[in-house]
Amino acid sequence: MSTETTSAGGTALSAGGVDPRAVTTARLQQMKGRGEKIAVLTAYDYSFARMLDGAGIDVLLVGDSASNVMHGHQTTLPITLDQMIDHAAAVVRGTSRALVVVDLPFGTYQGDSQQALQSAVRIMKESGAHAVKVEGGAIIAESVGRILSAGIPVMGHLGLTPQSIHKFGSYTARATGREEADRLLDDARLLQDLGCFALVLEKIPAELATRVSTQLAIPTIGIGAGSGTDGQVLVIQDMLGINQGFSPRFLRRYAQLHEVITGAARQYATDVKAGTFPSRDESY
């Protein structure tokens, strides 16, 4: 008996309702065209990548948020290119369907377009990822153009740009005033014109995000930018409730794994100390 079903468009779906076809930049464009929302989550290792890929997540973002959630830093700035490549390679090995996008870390692309190209090439060659992501607009246009000239897909990122935290001084919402909002819209158009295939909009007013999404032909991915974008992204440790000290308005926790994991570890420790693990059946 077949475990496949068929979508309205005639595509064979898996038993879990997941389209098994590989997600590409072209497919993301098609999804925007037909109004199909794009689901994005961060991933940093093989095991999580396998689960998220199998669950039907469209894009796995190997975010420089790994600096915070995997390495314990206070900001995204300390993580290195080598570390990002290691995380990305693990995610790629665990992925068969999702598009894998990797953040270029701070200091590897901003001031030197040749360095930007070399950094992007290393990510693509050494990890097997499908695209890179950069933060900023006109100020990094030369770097974006140089990377794109090598045939490497680029995802942009505007609004709150965590790599610029010391410039802004806080993680508060961006583009709440007219001047900054107009500049963001100009940067969004520029990134599209340069050839970026998609754009992350982080922590900006929902009305502005909807306006940008409507005016751009490329897909927009929101985080703290309302529901008018073409897709959404969250950090996996946040949405699973592993992180407890981070509760922004935009975060919806889909599980409470902090309690589950600590409870399981506590019970394991109790069983080991009591001598009840392993049992006779759990021994050879």
Protein backbone atom coordinates (compact mmCIF):
# COMPACT_ATOMS: atom_id res chain seq x y z
CA MET A 1 0.00 0.00 0.00
CA SER A 2 1.39 3.42 -0.94
CA THR A 3 2.11 5.89 1.85
CA GLU A 4 2.05 8.87 -0.52
CA THR A 5 -0.73 11.37 -1.12
CA THR A 6 -1.06 13.98 -3.83
CA SER A 7 -1.21 17.74 -3.37
CA ALA A 8 -3.70 19.99 -5.16
CA GLY A 9 -0.97 20.75 -7.69
CA GLY A 10 -0.42 17.08 -8.46
CA THR A 11 2.82 16.68 -6.47
CA ALA A 12 3.30 13.38 -4.64
CA LEU A 13 3.58 13.99 -0.89
CA SER A 14 5.10 11.76 1.76
CA ALA A 15 3.01 10.11 4.47
CA GLY A 16 3.68 13.17 6.64
CA GLY A 17 2.40 15.52 3.94
CA VAL A 18 5.88 16.79 3.03
CA ASP A 19 6.79 17.56 -0.56
CA PRO A 20 9.97 15.47 -1.05
CA ARG A 21 11.41 17.64 -3.82
CA ALA A 22 14.57 19.56 -2.95
CA VAL A 23 13.93 23.21 -2.08
CA THR A 24 15.86 25.59 -4.33
CA THR A 25 16.03 29.35 -4.67
CA ALA A 26 13.77 29.00 -7.72
CA ARG A 27 11.20 27.05 -5.68
CA LEU A 28 11.18 29.76 -3.03
CA GLN A 29 10.36 32.27 -5.75
CA GLN A 30 7.54 30.03 -6.97
CA MET A 31 6.22 29.71 -3.42
CA LYS A 32 6.02 33.49 -3.11
CA GLY A 33 4.25 33.67 -6.47
CA ARG A 34 1.48 31.34 -5.37
CA GLY A 35 1.22 32.72 -1.83
CA GLU A 36 2.66 29.67 -0.10
CA LYS A 37 4.41 30.62 3.13
CA ILE A 38 8.06 29.62 3.64
CA ALA A 39 9.06 27.88 6.90
CA VAL A 40 12.61 28.57 8.08
CA LEU A 41 14.40 27.42 11.23
CA THR A 42 18.00 27.62 12.37
CA ALA A 43 20.08 24.45 12.58
CA TYR A 44 23.64 23.92 13.75
CA ASP A 45 24.22 20.16 13.82
CA TYR A 46 23.48 16.89 12.04
CA SER A 47 20.85 15.46 14.40
CA PHE A 48 18.63 18.54 14.46
CA ALA A 49 19.06 19.02 10.71
CA ARG A 50 17.76 15.49 10.05
CA MET A 51 14.70 16.07 12.20
CA LEU A 52 13.86 19.49 10.79
CA ASP A 53 14.45 18.38 7.21
CA GLY A 54 12.17 15.39 7.71
CA ALA A 55 9.52 17.63 9.27
CA GLY A 56 9.26 19.65 6.06
CA ILE A 57 11.10 22.84 7.01
CA ASP A 58 11.86 24.62 3.74
CA VAL A 59 15.07 26.44 4.66
CA LEU A 60 17.63 25.58 7.33
CA LEU A 61 19.59 28.67 8.34
CA VAL A 62 22.99 27.97 9.84
CA GLY A 63 22.86 31.25 11.69
CA ASP A 64 25.67 33.07 13.42
CA SER A 65 23.28 32.79 16.38
CA ALA A 66 25.34 29.63 16.93
CA SER A 67 27.71 32.04 18.66
CA ASN A 68 25.05 32.50 21.36
CA VAL A 69 23.19 29.21 21.59
CA MET A 70 26.00 26.77 20.79
CA HIS A 71 29.12 28.56 22.04
CA GLY A 72 27.75 30.65 24.91
CA HIS A 73 28.83 34.10 23.71
CA GLN A 74 26.80 37.20 24.52
CA THR A 75 26.73 38.39 20.88
CA THR A 76 27.11 36.91 17.40
CA LEU A 77 30.44 38.67 16.85
CA PRO A 78 32.96 36.12 18.19
CA ILE A 79 32.08 33.14 16.00
CA THR A 80 34.65 32.41 13.30
CA LEU A 81 34.39 31.38 9.67
CA ASP A 82 35.93 27.99 10.49
CA GLN A 83 33.30 27.39 13.17
CA MET A 84 30.48 28.38 10.83
CA ILE A 85 31.82 25.98 8.18
CA ASP A 86 31.92 23.13 10.72
CA HIS A 87 28.32 23.77 11.75
CA ALA A 88 27.19 24.11 8.12
CA ALA A 89 28.89 20.89 7.00
CA ALA A 90 27.12 18.95 9.76
CA VAL A 91 23.75 20.45 8.78
CA VAL A 92 24.29 19.64 5.10
CA ARG A 93 25.06 16.00 5.99
CA GLY A 94 21.73 15.79 7.77
CA THR A 95 19.70 17.39 4.99
CA SER A 96 18.17 15.92 1.84
CA ARG A 97 15.35 18.37 1.06
CA ALA A 98 15.76 21.79 2.70
CA LEU A 99 17.77 24.67 1.27
CA VAL A 100 20.78 25.27 3.55
CA VAL A 101 21.77 28.93 3.97
CA VAL A 102 24.83 29.95 6.00
CA ASP A 103 25.55 33.27 7.69
CA LEU A 104 28.82 34.91 6.77
CA PRO A 105 30.19 35.82 10.21
CA PHE A 106 31.19 39.28 11.35
CA GLY A 107 34.42 40.53 9.80
CA THR A 108 34.45 38.20 6.80
CA TYR A 109 32.68 40.38 4.22
CA GLN A 110 31.92 43.92 5.36
CA GLY A 111 35.00 45.89 4.38
CA ASP A 112 36.62 43.95 1.55
CA SER A 113 34.67 42.50 -1.37
CA GLN A 114 37.52 40.15 -2.28
CA GLN A 115 37.56 38.78 1.26
CA ALA A 116 33.77 38.48 1.06
CA LEU A 117 34.07 36.33 -2.06
CA GLN A 118 36.80 34.18 -0.53
CA SER A 119 34.69 33.65 2.62
CA ALA A 120 31.61 32.69 0.61
CA VAL A 121 33.60 30.34 -1.62
CA ARG A 122 35.03 28.58 1.44
CA ILE A 123 31.55 28.05 2.86
CA MET A 124 30.22 26.65 -0.40
CA LYS A 125 33.22 24.39 -1.11
CA GLU A 126 33.94 23.14 2.41
CA SER A 127 30.39 22.71 3.74
CA GLY A 128 28.33 21.92 0.64
CA ALA A 129 25.78 24.58 1.58
CA HIS A 130 23.47 26.13 -1.02
CA ALA A 131 23.67 29.86 -0.23
CA VAL A 132 25.08 32.49 2.13
CA LYS A 133 23.45 35.29 4.10
CA VAL A 134 24.81 38.77 4.84
CA GLU A 135 23.61 41.69 6.95
CA GLY A 136 23.26 45.23 5.59
CA GLY A 137 22.25 47.20 2.53
CA ALA A 138 24.06 49.80 0.44
CA ILE A 139 27.13 49.74 2.66
CA ILE A 140 27.90 46.12 1.65
CA ALA A 141 26.67 46.35 -1.96
CA GLU A 142 30.13 45.80 -3.41
CA SER A 143 30.62 42.62 -1.38
CA VAL A 144 27.18 41.31 -2.34
CA GLY A 145 27.88 41.97 -6.01
CA ARG A 146 31.26 40.24 -5.85
CA ILE A 147 29.78 37.12 -4.22
CA LEU A 148 26.93 36.99 -6.72
CA SER A 149 29.39 37.34 -9.60
CA ALA A 150 30.76 33.91 -8.66
CA GLY A 151 27.32 32.33 -8.96
CA ILE A 152 26.80 32.03 -5.20
CA PRO A 153 23.22 32.74 -4.09
CA VAL A 154 22.92 35.48 -1.47
CA MET A 155 20.16 36.10 1.07
CA GLY A 156 20.05 39.62 2.48
CA HIS A 157 19.16 40.75 6.01
CA LEU A 158 17.78 44.16 7.01
CA GLY A 159 16.21 45.75 10.06
CA LEU A 160 17.80 44.65 13.31
CA THR A 161 21.21 43.36 12.25
CA PRO A 162 22.81 41.63 15.28
CA GLN A 163 26.34 41.96 13.90
CA SER A 164 25.91 45.75 14.31
CA ILE A 165 24.81 45.52 17.95
CA HIS A 166 27.57 47.85 19.19
CA LYS A 167 26.55 50.45 16.60
CA PHE A 168 22.88 50.38 17.61
CA GLY A 169 23.52 49.77 21.31
CA SER A 170 20.42 47.59 21.83
CA TYR A 171 18.24 44.92 20.30
CA THR A 172 15.18 47.17 20.08
CA ALA A 173 13.00 47.31 16.97
CA ARG A 174 14.43 49.13 13.96
CA ALA A 175 12.95 51.37 11.26
CA THR A 176 10.21 52.72 13.50
CA GLY A 177 10.78 56.25 12.17
CA ARG A 178 10.08 57.54 8.66
CA GLU A 179 13.72 58.19 7.67
CA GLU A 180 15.02 54.77 8.69
CA ALA A 181 11.98 53.06 7.18
CA ASP A 182 12.56 54.77 3.83
CA ARG A 183 16.23 53.82 3.95
CA LEU A 184 15.33 50.19 4.67
CA LEU A 185 12.99 50.10 1.69
CA ASP A 186 15.71 51.57 -0.52
CA ASP A 187 18.19 48.96 0.74
CA ALA A 188 15.66 46.19 0.11
CA ARG A 189 15.20 47.30 -3.50
CA LEU A 190 18.97 47.55 -3.93
CA LEU A 191 19.59 44.03 -2.64
CA GLN A 192 16.91 42.72 -4.99
CA ASP A 193 18.40 44.62 -7.93
CA LEU A 194 21.86 43.26 -7.13
CA GLY A 195 20.45 39.75 -7.39
CA CYS A 196 19.71 38.52 -3.85
CA PHE A 197 17.22 35.64 -3.93
CA ALA A 198 15.52 36.45 -0.60
CA LEU A 199 15.60 38.89 2.28
CA VAL A 200 15.31 38.50 6.06
CA LEU A 201 13.46 41.33 7.81
CA GLU A 202 14.18 41.34 11.54
CA LYS A 203 12.30 43.21 14.25
CA ILE A 204 10.70 45.98 12.20
CA PRO A 205 7.10 47.26 12.27
CA ALA A 206 4.67 44.78 10.72
CA GLU A 207 3.21 47.45 8.44
CA LEU A 208 6.64 48.22 7.01
CA ALA A 209 7.47 44.53 6.55
CA THR A 210 4.22 44.01 4.66
CA ARG A 211 4.99 47.03 2.48
CA VAL A 212 8.48 45.71 1.66
CA SER A 213 7.13 42.23 0.95
CA THR A 214 4.48 43.59 -1.39
CA GLN A 215 6.88 45.79 -3.33
CA LEU A 216 9.63 43.17 -3.74
CA ALA A 217 9.52 40.33 -6.25
CA ILE A 218 11.83 38.19 -4.10
CA PRO A 219 10.64 36.37 -0.96
CA THR A 220 10.91 38.01 2.45
CA ILE A 221 11.45 36.05 5.67
CA GLY A 222 10.34 37.73 8.87
CA ILE A 223 11.43 37.45 12.48
CA GLY A 224 9.58 39.85 14.70
CA ALA A 225 8.17 41.52 11.57
CA GLY A 226 4.53 40.45 11.60
CA SER A 227 2.63 38.05 9.38
CA GLY A 228 2.82 39.99 6.11
CA THR A 229 6.18 38.55 5.07
CA ASP A 230 6.48 35.57 2.71
CA GLY A 231 7.90 33.33 5.45
CA GLN A 232 9.06 33.17 9.05
CA VAL A 233 12.26 32.15 10.84
CA LEU A 234 12.95 31.34 14.49
CA VAL A 235 15.99 30.08 16.36
CA ILE A 236 15.40 26.40 17.07
CA GLN A 237 16.52 26.55 20.72
CA ASP A 238 14.06 29.38 21.31
CA MET A 239 11.00 27.82 19.66
CA LEU A 240 11.63 24.48 21.40
CA GLY A 241 11.80 26.14 24.82
CA ILE A 242 15.39 25.09 25.47
CA ASN A 243 16.44 28.69 26.11
CA GLN A 244 14.66 30.13 29.13
CA GLY A 245 16.14 33.61 29.43
CA PHE A 246 14.95 34.95 26.06
CA SER A 247 11.29 35.87 25.67
CA PRO A 248 10.74 38.54 22.99
CA ARG A 249 7.22 39.34 21.86
CA PHE A 250 7.66 37.58 18.52
CA LEU A 251 8.70 34.22 20.02
CA ARG A 252 6.17 31.38 20.14
CA ARG A 253 7.41 28.33 22.04
CA TYR A 254 6.17 25.12 20.40
CA ALA A 255 7.60 22.90 23.15
CA GLN A 256 9.10 23.19 26.62
CA LEU A 257 12.14 21.00 26.22
CA HIS A 258 14.09 22.68 29.00
CA GLU A 259 11.83 20.98 31.52
CA VAL A 260 11.78 17.70 29.59
CA ILE A 261 15.56 17.49 29.21
CA THR A 262 16.44 18.58 32.75
CA GLY A 263 13.78 16.22 34.13
CA ALA A 264 15.17 13.30 32.13
CA ALA A 265 18.74 14.09 33.18
CA ARG A 266 17.68 14.37 36.82
CA GLN A 267 15.91 11.00 36.68
CA TYR A 268 18.93 9.42 34.99
CA ALA A 269 21.23 10.71 37.72
CA THR A 270 18.86 9.39 40.38
CA ASP A 271 18.72 5.93 38.76
CA VAL A 272 22.49 5.69 38.36
CA LYS A 273 23.15 6.70 41.96
CA ALA A 274 20.49 4.28 43.22
CA GLY A 275 21.98 1.45 41.17
CA THR A 276 18.72 0.85 39.30
CA PHE A 277 20.26 1.65 35.93
CA PRO A 278 21.21 -0.46 34.09
CA SER A 279 18.78 -3.25 34.92
CA ARG A 280 19.40 -6.94 34.16
CA ASP A 281 17.48 -6.55 30.88
CA GLU A 282 19.69 -3.59 29.96
CA SER A 283 22.88 -5.55 30.49
CA TYR A 284 24.75 -8.07 28.29
